[in-house]
Amino acid sequence: MRVLIIFSVSVAVCISTITAQQPTPRMVVVQPATTSAPASAAPATAATPSDAAVANAIKMLEQIKATNDTTLKKQEAMLQQLDELQKAAEQLKVFSKRV
């Protein structure tokens, strides 16, 4: 009986300390009411990159592509070697079971 009273008191204390989460109110953004005209768009010539920048970017991309191609060739050669090693290991397993 004593354990039941202690348990119910501890449950009552826990329940009394628990508070429900209150939802935060939604924020409403109101745009200012102005009568001025919208600003004009920036000139299109300022946004275009120069020819030298484009040429440099193309050269850099070509170098990256060449590097990627050599890396892919190395990886392909390594995969072929790994396949040959795997076949050799399988043959060794077969031959070791016969003996």
C-alpha atoms as a PDB file:
ATOM      1  CA  MET A   1       0.000   0.000   0.000  1.00  0.00           C
ATOM      2  CA  ARG A   2       2.816   2.349   0.857  1.00  0.00           C
ATOM      3  CA  VAL A   3       4.490   1.722  -2.532  1.00  0.00           C
ATOM      4  CA  LEU A   4       1.232   2.532  -4.297  1.00  0.00           C
ATOM      5  CA  ILE A   5       0.948   5.879  -2.513  1.00  0.00           C
ATOM      6  CA  ILE A   6       4.562   6.810  -3.298  1.00  0.00           C
ATOM      7  CA  PHE A   7       4.059   5.788  -6.929  1.00  0.00           C
ATOM      8  CA  SER A   8       0.856   7.795  -7.327  1.00  0.00           C
ATOM      9  CA  VAL A   9       2.443  10.867  -5.709  1.00  0.00           C
ATOM     10  CA  SER A  10       5.448  10.662  -8.051  1.00  0.00           C
ATOM     11  CA  VAL A  11       3.145  10.296 -11.058  1.00  0.00           C
ATOM     12  CA  ALA A  12       1.130  13.309  -9.910  1.00  0.00           C
ATOM     13  CA  VAL A  13       4.316  15.371  -9.553  1.00  0.00           C
ATOM     14  CA  CYS A  14       5.477  14.352 -13.041  1.00  0.00           C
ATOM     15  CA  ILE A  15       2.122  15.184 -14.600  1.00  0.00           C
ATOM     16  CA  SER A  16       1.960  18.566 -12.914  1.00  0.00           C
ATOM     17  CA  THR A  17       5.392  19.549 -14.242  1.00  0.00           C
ATOM     18  CA  ILE A  18       4.579  18.610 -17.826  1.00  0.00           C
ATOM     19  CA  THR A  19       3.508  21.542 -19.987  1.00  0.00           C
ATOM     20  CA  ALA A  20       1.947  21.293 -23.391  1.00  0.00           C
ATOM     21  CA  GLN A  21       3.729  22.829 -26.348  1.00  0.00           C
ATOM     22  CA  GLN A  22       2.101  25.996 -27.508  1.00  0.00           C
ATOM     23  CA  PRO A  23       2.024  26.476 -31.289  1.00  0.00           C
ATOM     24  CA  THR A  24       3.888  29.515 -32.487  1.00  0.00           C
ATOM     25  CA  PRO A  25       1.721  32.028 -34.298  1.00  0.00           C
ATOM     26  CA  ARG A  26       2.169  32.189 -38.039  1.00  0.00           C
ATOM     27  CA  MET A  27       4.237  35.120 -39.186  1.00  0.00           C
ATOM     28  CA  VAL A  28       2.549  37.354 -41.691  1.00  0.00           C
ATOM     29  CA  VAL A  29       4.833  39.391 -43.930  1.00  0.00           C
ATOM     30  CA  VAL A  30       3.246  42.566 -45.186  1.00  0.00           C
ATOM     31  CA  GLN A  31       4.863  44.349 -48.106  1.00  0.00           C
ATOM     32  CA  PRO A  32       5.201  48.109 -47.745  1.00  0.00           C
ATOM     33  CA  ALA A  33       2.747  50.152 -49.704  1.00  0.00           C
ATOM     34  CA  THR A  34       4.835  52.466 -51.873  1.00  0.00           C
ATOM     35  CA  THR A  35       3.808  54.375 -54.931  1.00  0.00           C
ATOM     36  CA  SER A  36       7.243  54.551 -56.565  1.00  0.00           C
ATOM     37  CA  ALA A  37       7.922  52.705 -59.809  1.00  0.00           C
ATOM     38  CA  PRO A  38       9.983  49.514 -59.662  1.00  0.00           C
ATOM     39  CA  ALA A  39      13.685  49.867 -60.434  1.00  0.00           C
ATOM     40  CA  SER A  40      14.732  49.111 -63.985  1.00  0.00           C
ATOM     41  CA  ALA A  41      16.647  45.937 -64.728  1.00  0.00           C
ATOM     42  CA  ALA A  42      20.450  46.042 -64.925  1.00  0.00           C
ATOM     43  CA  PRO A  43      21.896  46.280 -68.415  1.00  0.00           C
ATOM     44  CA  ALA A  44      22.409  42.922 -70.102  1.00  0.00           C
ATOM     45  CA  THR A  45      25.998  43.696 -71.119  1.00  0.00           C
ATOM     46  CA  ALA A  46      27.163  43.782 -67.484  1.00  0.00           C
ATOM     47  CA  ALA A  47      26.035  40.169 -66.911  1.00  0.00           C
ATOM     48  CA  THR A  48      27.853  38.636 -69.887  1.00  0.00           C
ATOM     49  CA  PRO A  49      31.321  37.230 -69.205  1.00  0.00           C
ATOM     50  CA  SER A  50      34.240  38.307 -71.319  1.00  0.00           C
ATOM     51  CA  ASP A  51      35.566  36.180 -74.169  1.00  0.00           C
ATOM     52  CA  ALA A  52      38.849  35.592 -72.346  1.00  0.00           C
ATOM     53  CA  ALA A  53      37.013  34.233 -69.309  1.00  0.00           C
ATOM     54  CA  VAL A  54      35.001  31.877 -71.501  1.00  0.00           C
ATOM     55  CA  ALA A  55      38.152  30.690 -73.295  1.00  0.00           C
ATOM     56  CA  ASN A  56      39.904  30.081 -69.963  1.00  0.00           C
ATOM     57  CA  ALA A  57      36.912  28.158 -68.667  1.00  0.00           C
ATOM     58  CA  ILE A  58      36.854  25.988 -71.802  1.00  0.00           C
ATOM     59  CA  LYS A  59      40.587  25.245 -71.499  1.00  0.00           C
ATOM     60  CA  MET A  60      40.170  24.334 -67.849  1.00  0.00           C
ATOM     61  CA  LEU A  61      37.248  22.025 -68.653  1.00  0.00           C
ATOM     62  CA  GLU A  62      39.272  20.329 -71.398  1.00  0.00           C
ATOM     63  CA  GLN A  63      42.117  19.726 -68.928  1.00  0.00           C
ATOM     64  CA  ILE A  64      39.703  18.293 -66.403  1.00  0.00           C
ATOM     65  CA  LYS A  65      38.206  16.043 -69.068  1.00  0.00           C
ATOM     66  CA  ALA A  66      41.655  14.779 -70.080  1.00  0.00           C
ATOM     67  CA  THR A  67      42.507  14.063 -66.440  1.00  0.00           C
ATOM     68  CA  ASN A  68      39.212  12.228 -65.964  1.00  0.00           C
ATOM     69  CA  ASP A  69      39.836  10.152 -69.091  1.00  0.00           C
ATOM     70  CA  THR A  70      43.264   9.028 -67.869  1.00  0.00           C
ATOM     71  CA  THR A  71      41.811   8.208 -64.446  1.00  0.00           C
ATOM     72  CA  LEU A  72      39.063   6.143 -66.061  1.00  0.00           C
ATOM     73  CA  LYS A  73      41.620   4.235 -68.146  1.00  0.00           C
ATOM     74  CA  LYS A  74      43.663   3.457 -65.018  1.00  0.00           C
ATOM     75  CA  GLN A  75      40.554   2.287 -63.188  1.00  0.00           C
ATOM     76  CA  GLU A  76      39.530   0.082 -66.105  1.00  0.00           C
ATOM     77  CA  ALA A  77      42.967  -1.533 -66.178  1.00  0.00           C
ATOM     78  CA  MET A  78      42.808  -2.112 -62.418  1.00  0.00           C
ATOM     79  CA  LEU A  79      39.370  -3.709 -62.745  1.00  0.00           C
ATOM     80  CA  GLN A  80      40.674  -6.077 -65.411  1.00  0.00           C
ATOM     81  CA  GLN A  81      43.558  -7.084 -63.152  1.00  0.00           C
ATOM     82  CA  LEU A  82      41.146  -7.665 -60.275  1.00  0.00           C
ATOM     83  CA  ASP A  83      38.932  -9.819 -62.503  1.00  0.00           C
ATOM     84  CA  GLU A  84      41.957 -11.918 -63.506  1.00  0.00           C
ATOM     85  CA  LEU A  85      42.951 -12.320 -59.856  1.00  0.00           C
ATOM     86  CA  GLN A  86      39.417 -13.362 -58.955  1.00  0.00           C
ATOM     87  CA  LYS A  87      39.397 -15.991 -61.726  1.00  0.00           C
ATOM     88  CA  ALA A  88      42.767 -17.287 -60.567  1.00  0.00           C
ATOM     89  CA  ALA A  89      41.515 -17.511 -56.975  1.00  0.00           C
ATOM     90  CA  GLU A  90      38.442 -19.451 -58.097  1.00  0.00           C
ATOM     91  CA  GLN A  91      40.656 -21.872 -60.045  1.00  0.00           C
ATOM     92  CA  LEU A  92      42.821 -22.385 -56.958  1.00  0.00           C
ATOM     93  CA  LYS A  93      39.726 -23.180 -54.904  1.00  0.00           C
ATOM     94  CA  VAL A  94      38.605 -25.744 -57.476  1.00  0.00           C
ATOM     95  CA  PHE A  95      42.023 -27.382 -57.683  1.00  0.00           C
ATOM     96  CA  SER A  96      42.458 -27.423 -53.883  1.00  0.00           C
ATOM     97  CA  LYS A  97      39.157 -29.295 -53.465  1.00  0.00           C
ATOM     98  CA  ARG A  98      40.278 -32.028 -55.898  1.00  0.00           C
ATOM     99  CA  VAL A  99      43.400 -32.860 -53.920  1.00  0.00           C
END
